[in-house]
PDB file of N, CA and C in Angstrom:
ATOM      1  N   MET A   1     -25.462 -42.981 118.190  1.00  0.00           N
ATOM      2  CA  MET A   1     -26.680 -42.745 119.047  1.00  0.00           C
ATOM      3  C   MET A   1     -28.369 -42.882 118.723  1.00  0.00           C
ATOM      4  N   THR A   2     -29.494 -43.244 119.802  1.00  0.00           N
ATOM      5  CA  THR A   2     -30.818 -43.749 120.130  1.00  0.00           C
ATOM      6  C   THR A   2     -31.519 -43.167 119.362  1.00  0.00           C
ATOM      7  N   ASP A   3     -32.628 -43.210 119.262  1.00  0.00           N
ATOM      8  CA  ASP A   3     -33.610 -42.745 118.449  1.00  0.00           C
ATOM      9  C   ASP A   3     -34.210 -41.409 119.717  1.00  0.00           C
ATOM     10  N   ASP A   4     -34.232 -42.010 120.830  1.00  0.00           N
ATOM     11  CA  ASP A   4     -33.842 -40.876 121.803  1.00  0.00           C
ATOM     12  C   ASP A   4     -33.606 -39.853 122.629  1.00  0.00           C
ATOM     13  N   GLN A   5     -31.885 -40.358 122.122  1.00  0.00           N
ATOM     14  CA  GLN A   5     -30.980 -39.025 121.908  1.00  0.00           C
ATOM     15  C   GLN A   5     -31.347 -37.945 121.156  1.00  0.00           C
ATOM     16  N   ILE A   6     -30.840 -39.145 119.695  1.00  0.00           N
ATOM     17  CA  ILE A   6     -31.630 -37.477 119.065  1.00  0.00           C
ATOM     18  C   ILE A   6     -33.212 -36.721 119.192  1.00  0.00           C
ATOM     19  N   GLY A   7     -33.069 -36.775 119.737  1.00  0.00           N
ATOM     20  CA  GLY A   7     -35.310 -36.391 120.217  1.00  0.00           C
ATOM     21  C   GLY A   7     -34.377 -35.371 121.208  1.00  0.00           C
ATOM     22  N   ASP A   8     -34.091 -35.949 121.400  1.00  0.00           N
ATOM     23  CA  ASP A   8     -33.653 -35.359 122.482  1.00  0.00           C
ATOM     24  C   ASP A   8     -32.668 -34.101 122.280  1.00  0.00           C
ATOM     25  N   GLN A   9     -32.057 -34.484 122.230  1.00  0.00           N
ATOM     26  CA  GLN A   9     -30.854 -33.027 120.556  1.00  0.00           C
ATOM     27  C   GLN A   9     -32.171 -32.229 120.370  1.00  0.00           C
ATOM     28  N   LEU A  10     -32.814 -31.898 119.551  1.00  0.00           N
ATOM     29  CA  LEU A  10     -33.574 -31.873 118.685  1.00  0.00           C
ATOM     30  C   LEU A  10     -34.442 -30.793 119.913  1.00  0.00           C
ATOM     31  N   ARG A  11     -35.066 -31.734 120.984  1.00  0.00           N
ATOM     32  CA  ARG A  11     -35.615 -30.281 122.115  1.00  0.00           C
ATOM     33  C   ARG A  11     -34.920 -29.395 122.615  1.00  0.00           C
ATOM     34  N   ASP A  12     -34.153 -30.205 123.056  1.00  0.00           N
ATOM     35  CA  ASP A  12     -33.030 -28.981 123.699  1.00  0.00           C
ATOM     36  C   ASP A  12     -32.822 -28.174 123.323  1.00  0.00           C
ATOM     37  N   ARG A  13     -32.038 -28.479 121.628  1.00  0.00           N
ATOM     38  CA  ARG A  13     -31.758 -26.614 120.916  1.00  0.00           C
ATOM     39  C   ARG A  13     -32.285 -26.240 120.331  1.00  0.00           C
ATOM     40  N   GLY A  14     -34.315 -26.708 119.995  1.00  0.00           N
ATOM     41  CA  GLY A  14     -34.820 -25.864 119.283  1.00  0.00           C
ATOM     42  C   GLY A  14     -35.192 -25.937 118.417  1.00  0.00           C
ATOM     43  N   LEU A  15     -35.189 -27.097 117.501  1.00  0.00           N
ATOM     44  CA  LEU A  15     -35.334 -27.496 116.383  1.00  0.00           C
ATOM     45  C   LEU A  15     -35.744 -28.092 115.715  1.00  0.00           C
ATOM     46  N   GLU A  16     -37.272 -28.656 116.846  1.00  0.00           N
ATOM     47  CA  GLU A  16     -38.436 -29.353 116.383  1.00  0.00           C
ATOM     48  C   GLU A  16     -38.542 -28.556 114.627  1.00  0.00           C
ATOM     49  N   GLU A  17     -39.469 -27.120 114.826  1.00  0.00           N
ATOM     50  CA  GLU A  17     -39.493 -26.559 112.713  1.00  0.00           C
ATOM     51  C   GLU A  17     -39.173 -26.487 112.508  1.00  0.00           C
ATOM     52  N   GLU A  18     -37.926 -26.488 112.069  1.00  0.00           N
ATOM     53  CA  GLU A  18     -36.804 -27.184 111.534  1.00  0.00           C
ATOM     54  C   GLU A  18     -36.810 -28.888 111.014  1.00  0.00           C
ATOM     55  N   TYR A  19     -36.867 -29.074 112.237  1.00  0.00           N
ATOM     56  CA  TYR A  19     -36.647 -31.359 111.831  1.00  0.00           C
ATOM     57  C   TYR A  19     -38.230 -30.977 110.748  1.00  0.00           C
ATOM     58  N   ILE A  20     -39.552 -30.383 111.030  1.00  0.00           N
ATOM     59  CA  ILE A  20     -40.628 -30.940 110.252  1.00  0.00           C
ATOM     60  C   ILE A  20     -39.909 -31.019 108.991  1.00  0.00           C
ATOM     61  N   ARG A  21     -39.843 -29.285 108.638  1.00  0.00           N
ATOM     62  CA  ARG A  21     -38.801 -28.610 107.544  1.00  0.00           C
ATOM     63  C   ARG A  21     -38.495 -29.698 106.289  1.00  0.00           C
ATOM     64  N   GLU A  22     -37.163 -30.149 107.907  1.00  0.00           N
ATOM     65  CA  GLU A  22     -36.390 -30.857 106.850  1.00  0.00           C
ATOM     66  C   GLU A  22     -37.108 -32.547 106.798  1.00  0.00           C
ATOM     67  N   LEU A  23     -38.233 -32.458 107.360  1.00  0.00           N
ATOM     68  CA  LEU A  23     -38.646 -34.399 106.858  1.00  0.00           C
ATOM     69  C   LEU A  23     -39.746 -34.071 105.493  1.00  0.00           C
ATOM     70  N   LEU A  24     -40.424 -33.057 105.645  1.00  0.00           N
ATOM     71  CA  LEU A  24     -41.301 -32.223 104.543  1.00  0.00           C
ATOM     72  C   LEU A  24     -40.192 -32.682 103.355  1.00  0.00           C
ATOM     73  N   ALA A  25     -39.330 -32.018 103.309  1.00  0.00           N
ATOM     74  CA  ALA A  25     -38.648 -31.398 102.343  1.00  0.00           C
ATOM     75  C   ALA A  25     -38.235 -33.266 101.633  1.00  0.00           C
ATOM     76  N   SER A  26     -37.732 -33.797 102.627  1.00  0.00           N
ATOM     77  CA  SER A  26     -37.257 -35.082 102.334  1.00  0.00           C
ATOM     78  C   SER A  26     -38.001 -36.742 101.733  1.00  0.00           C
ATOM     79  N   LEU A  27     -39.729 -35.783 101.852  1.00  0.00           N
ATOM     80  CA  LEU A  27     -40.413 -36.769 101.499  1.00  0.00           C
ATOM     81  C   LEU A  27     -41.084 -36.176 100.504  1.00  0.00           C
ATOM     82  N   GLY A  28     -40.115 -35.306  99.544  1.00  0.00           N
ATOM     83  CA  GLY A  28     -40.916 -33.957  98.072  1.00  0.00           C
ATOM     84  C   GLY A  28     -41.621 -33.080  97.994  1.00  0.00           C
ATOM     85  N   PHE A  29     -42.233 -32.107  99.364  1.00  0.00           N
ATOM     86  CA  PHE A  29     -42.603 -31.480  99.850  1.00  0.00           C
ATOM     87  C   PHE A  29     -41.806 -30.435  99.913  1.00  0.00           C
ATOM     88  N   ASN A  30     -42.395 -28.535  99.444  1.00  0.00           N
ATOM     89  CA  ASN A  30     -41.541 -28.035 100.071  1.00  0.00           C
ATOM     90  C   ASN A  30     -42.205 -27.251 100.952  1.00  0.00           C
ATOM     91  N   PRO A  31     -41.237 -27.414 101.984  1.00  0.00           N
ATOM     92  CA  PRO A  31     -41.790 -26.590 103.489  1.00  0.00           C
ATOM     93  C   PRO A  31     -43.340 -25.508 103.228  1.00  0.00           C
ATOM     94  N   ALA A  32     -41.816 -24.069 102.278  1.00  0.00           N
ATOM     95  CA  ALA A  32     -43.020 -22.776 102.376  1.00  0.00           C
ATOM     96  C   ALA A  32     -44.381 -23.188 101.826  1.00  0.00           C
ATOM     97  N   ASP A  33     -44.696 -23.828 101.630  1.00  0.00           N
ATOM     98  CA  ASP A  33     -46.329 -24.200 101.134  1.00  0.00           C
ATOM     99  C   ASP A  33     -47.471 -24.292 101.937  1.00  0.00           C
ATOM    100  N   GLY A  34     -46.288 -25.042 103.426  1.00  0.00           N
ATOM    101  CA  GLY A  34     -47.333 -25.140 103.882  1.00  0.00           C
ATOM    102  C   GLY A  34     -48.113 -26.555 104.474  1.00  0.00           C
ATOM    103  N   PHE A  35     -48.605 -26.616 104.915  1.00  0.00           N
ATOM    104  CA  PHE A  35     -49.093 -28.636 105.354  1.00  0.00           C
ATOM    105  C   PHE A  35     -50.366 -28.401 104.858  1.00  0.00           C
ATOM    106  N   THR A  36     -51.008 -29.686 103.602  1.00  0.00           N
ATOM    107  CA  THR A  36     -51.946 -29.245 102.839  1.00  0.00           C
ATOM    108  C   THR A  36     -52.200 -31.763 103.663  1.00  0.00           C
ATOM    109  N   HIS A  37     -53.421 -31.709 102.962  1.00  0.00           N
ATOM    110  CA  HIS A  37     -53.935 -32.461 103.703  1.00  0.00           C
ATOM    111  C   HIS A  37     -53.181 -33.938 103.670  1.00  0.00           C
ATOM    112  N   ASP A  38     -52.313 -33.358 101.792  1.00  0.00           N
ATOM    113  CA  ASP A  38     -51.688 -34.340 101.229  1.00  0.00           C
ATOM    114  C   ASP A  38     -49.856 -34.401 102.669  1.00  0.00           C
ATOM    115  N   SER A  39     -49.548 -33.436 102.560  1.00  0.00           N
ATOM    116  CA  SER A  39     -48.394 -33.421 103.299  1.00  0.00           C
ATOM    117  C   SER A  39     -48.468 -33.777 104.901  1.00  0.00           C
ATOM    118  N   ILE A  40     -49.594 -33.551 105.688  1.00  0.00           N
ATOM    119  CA  ILE A  40     -49.284 -34.352 106.644  1.00  0.00           C
ATOM    120  C   ILE A  40     -49.795 -35.259 106.550  1.00  0.00           C
ATOM    121  N   ASP A  41     -50.127 -36.301 105.663  1.00  0.00           N
ATOM    122  CA  ASP A  41     -50.763 -37.196 105.574  1.00  0.00           C
ATOM    123  C   ASP A  41     -48.777 -38.009 105.367  1.00  0.00           C
ATOM    124  N   ALA A  42     -48.757 -37.135 104.487  1.00  0.00           N
ATOM    125  CA  ALA A  42     -47.226 -37.872 104.159  1.00  0.00           C
ATOM    126  C   ALA A  42     -46.486 -37.866 105.791  1.00  0.00           C
ATOM    127  N   LEU A  43     -46.332 -37.110 106.215  1.00  0.00           N
ATOM    128  CA  LEU A  43     -45.932 -36.625 108.129  1.00  0.00           C
ATOM    129  C   LEU A  43     -46.156 -37.796 108.583  1.00  0.00           C
ATOM    130  N   ASP A  44     -47.807 -38.031 108.457  1.00  0.00           N
ATOM    131  CA  ASP A  44     -47.534 -39.475 109.492  1.00  0.00           C
ATOM    132  C   ASP A  44     -47.718 -40.446 109.191  1.00  0.00           C
ATOM    133  N   ASN A  45     -47.330 -41.026 107.740  1.00  0.00           N
ATOM    134  CA  ASN A  45     -46.820 -42.282 107.292  1.00  0.00           C
ATOM    135  C   ASN A  45     -45.334 -42.390 107.037  1.00  0.00           C
ATOM    136  N   ALA A  46     -44.353 -41.322 108.008  1.00  0.00           N
ATOM    137  CA  ALA A  46     -43.385 -41.373 106.953  1.00  0.00           C
ATOM    138  C   ALA A  46     -42.969 -42.567 108.277  1.00  0.00           C
ATOM    139  N   THR A  47     -41.165 -43.566 107.320  1.00  0.00           N
ATOM    140  CA  THR A  47     -41.074 -44.705 108.393  1.00  0.00           C
ATOM    141  C   THR A  47     -40.278 -44.042 109.137  1.00  0.00           C
ATOM    142  N   MET A  48     -39.456 -44.468 109.664  1.00  0.00           N
ATOM    143  CA  MET A  48     -38.772 -44.524 110.991  1.00  0.00           C
ATOM    144  C   MET A  48     -37.367 -43.937 110.712  1.00  0.00           C
ATOM    145  N   ASP A  49     -37.296 -44.343 109.680  1.00  0.00           N
ATOM    146  CA  ASP A  49     -35.663 -43.977 108.796  1.00  0.00           C
ATOM    147  C   ASP A  49     -35.103 -43.078 108.653  1.00  0.00           C
ATOM    148  N   GLN A  50     -36.727 -42.746 107.950  1.00  0.00           N
ATOM    149  CA  GLN A  50     -36.682 -41.852 107.090  1.00  0.00           C
ATOM    150  C   GLN A  50     -37.241 -40.359 108.124  1.00  0.00           C
ATOM    151  N   ARG A  51     -37.790 -40.480 109.216  1.00  0.00           N
ATOM    152  CA  ARG A  51     -37.511 -39.550 110.193  1.00  0.00           C
ATOM    153  C   ARG A  51     -36.160 -39.140 110.822  1.00  0.00           C
ATOM    154  N   ARG A  52     -35.815 -40.831 111.060  1.00  0.00           N
ATOM    155  CA  ARG A  52     -34.218 -40.258 111.263  1.00  0.00           C
ATOM    156  C   ARG A  52     -33.013 -40.061 110.657  1.00  0.00           C
ATOM    157  N   LYS A  53     -33.078 -40.181 109.474  1.00  0.00           N
ATOM    158  CA  LYS A  53     -32.556 -39.290 108.238  1.00  0.00           C
ATOM    159  C   LYS A  53     -32.747 -37.540 108.488  1.00  0.00           C
ATOM    160  N   ALA A  54     -34.004 -37.498 109.072  1.00  0.00           N
ATOM    161  CA  ALA A  54     -34.628 -36.091 108.770  1.00  0.00           C
ATOM    162  C   ALA A  54     -33.907 -35.080 110.115  1.00  0.00           C
ATOM    163  N   ALA A  55     -33.612 -36.049 110.845  1.00  0.00           N
ATOM    164  CA  ALA A  55     -33.063 -35.005 111.840  1.00  0.00           C
ATOM    165  C   ALA A  55     -32.448 -35.307 112.522  1.00  0.00           C
ATOM    166  N   LEU A  56     -31.272 -36.356 111.753  1.00  0.00           N
ATOM    167  CA  LEU A  56     -30.012 -36.630 111.812  1.00  0.00           C
ATOM    168  C   LEU A  56     -29.489 -35.447 110.944  1.00  0.00           C
ATOM    169  N   ARG A  57     -30.265 -34.838 109.650  1.00  0.00           N
ATOM    170  CA  ARG A  57     -30.038 -34.200 108.434  1.00  0.00           C
ATOM    171  C   ARG A  57     -30.257 -32.639 109.830  1.00  0.00           C
ATOM    172  N   THR A  58     -31.052 -32.580 110.752  1.00  0.00           N
ATOM    173  CA  THR A  58     -31.647 -31.309 111.155  1.00  0.00           C
ATOM    174  C   THR A  58     -31.086 -31.430 111.561  1.00  0.00           C
ATOM    175  N   LEU A  59     -29.875 -32.230 112.430  1.00  0.00           N
ATOM    176  CA  LEU A  59     -28.814 -31.228 113.849  1.00  0.00           C
ATOM    177  C   LEU A  59     -27.360 -31.365 112.847  1.00  0.00           C
ATOM    178  N   GLU A  60     -27.265 -32.005 111.507  1.00  0.00           N
ATOM    179  CA  GLU A  60     -26.165 -31.233 110.791  1.00  0.00           C
ATOM    180  C   GLU A  60     -25.489 -30.376 110.703  1.00  0.00           C
ATOM    181  N   LEU A  61     -27.385 -29.601 110.128  1.00  0.00           N
ATOM    182  CA  LEU A  61     -27.285 -27.863 109.574  1.00  0.00           C
ATOM    183  C   LEU A  61     -27.508 -27.257 110.489  1.00  0.00           C
ATOM    184  N   ALA A  62     -27.954 -27.351 112.198  1.00  0.00           N
ATOM    185  CA  ALA A  62     -27.463 -27.021 112.996  1.00  0.00           C
ATOM    186  C   ALA A  62     -26.424 -26.331 113.246  1.00  0.00           C
ATOM    187  N   ALA A  63     -25.270 -27.339 112.760  1.00  0.00           N
ATOM    188  CA  ALA A  63     -23.940 -27.660 113.632  1.00  0.00           C
ATOM    189  C   ALA A  63     -23.381 -26.228 112.717  1.00  0.00           C
ATOM    190  N   GLU A  64     -23.313 -26.403 111.571  1.00  0.00           N
ATOM    191  CA  GLU A  64     -23.112 -25.963 110.500  1.00  0.00           C
ATOM    192  C   GLU A  64     -23.061 -24.074 110.985  1.00  0.00           C
TER     193      GLU A  64
END
């Protein structure tokens, strides 16, 4: 599955917020703490591999 296809699935299923929470958690932040300067910086600097893994994990969790 391409990155574009993954993004389309996230959008089509309304999982954008869940994806951000999953990405935050994978970067070592607690999503319940909300956005901080450090967490926003980490999101901005997340690698494509980190983003892809979080997106796939989000889709996997939504399918359960």
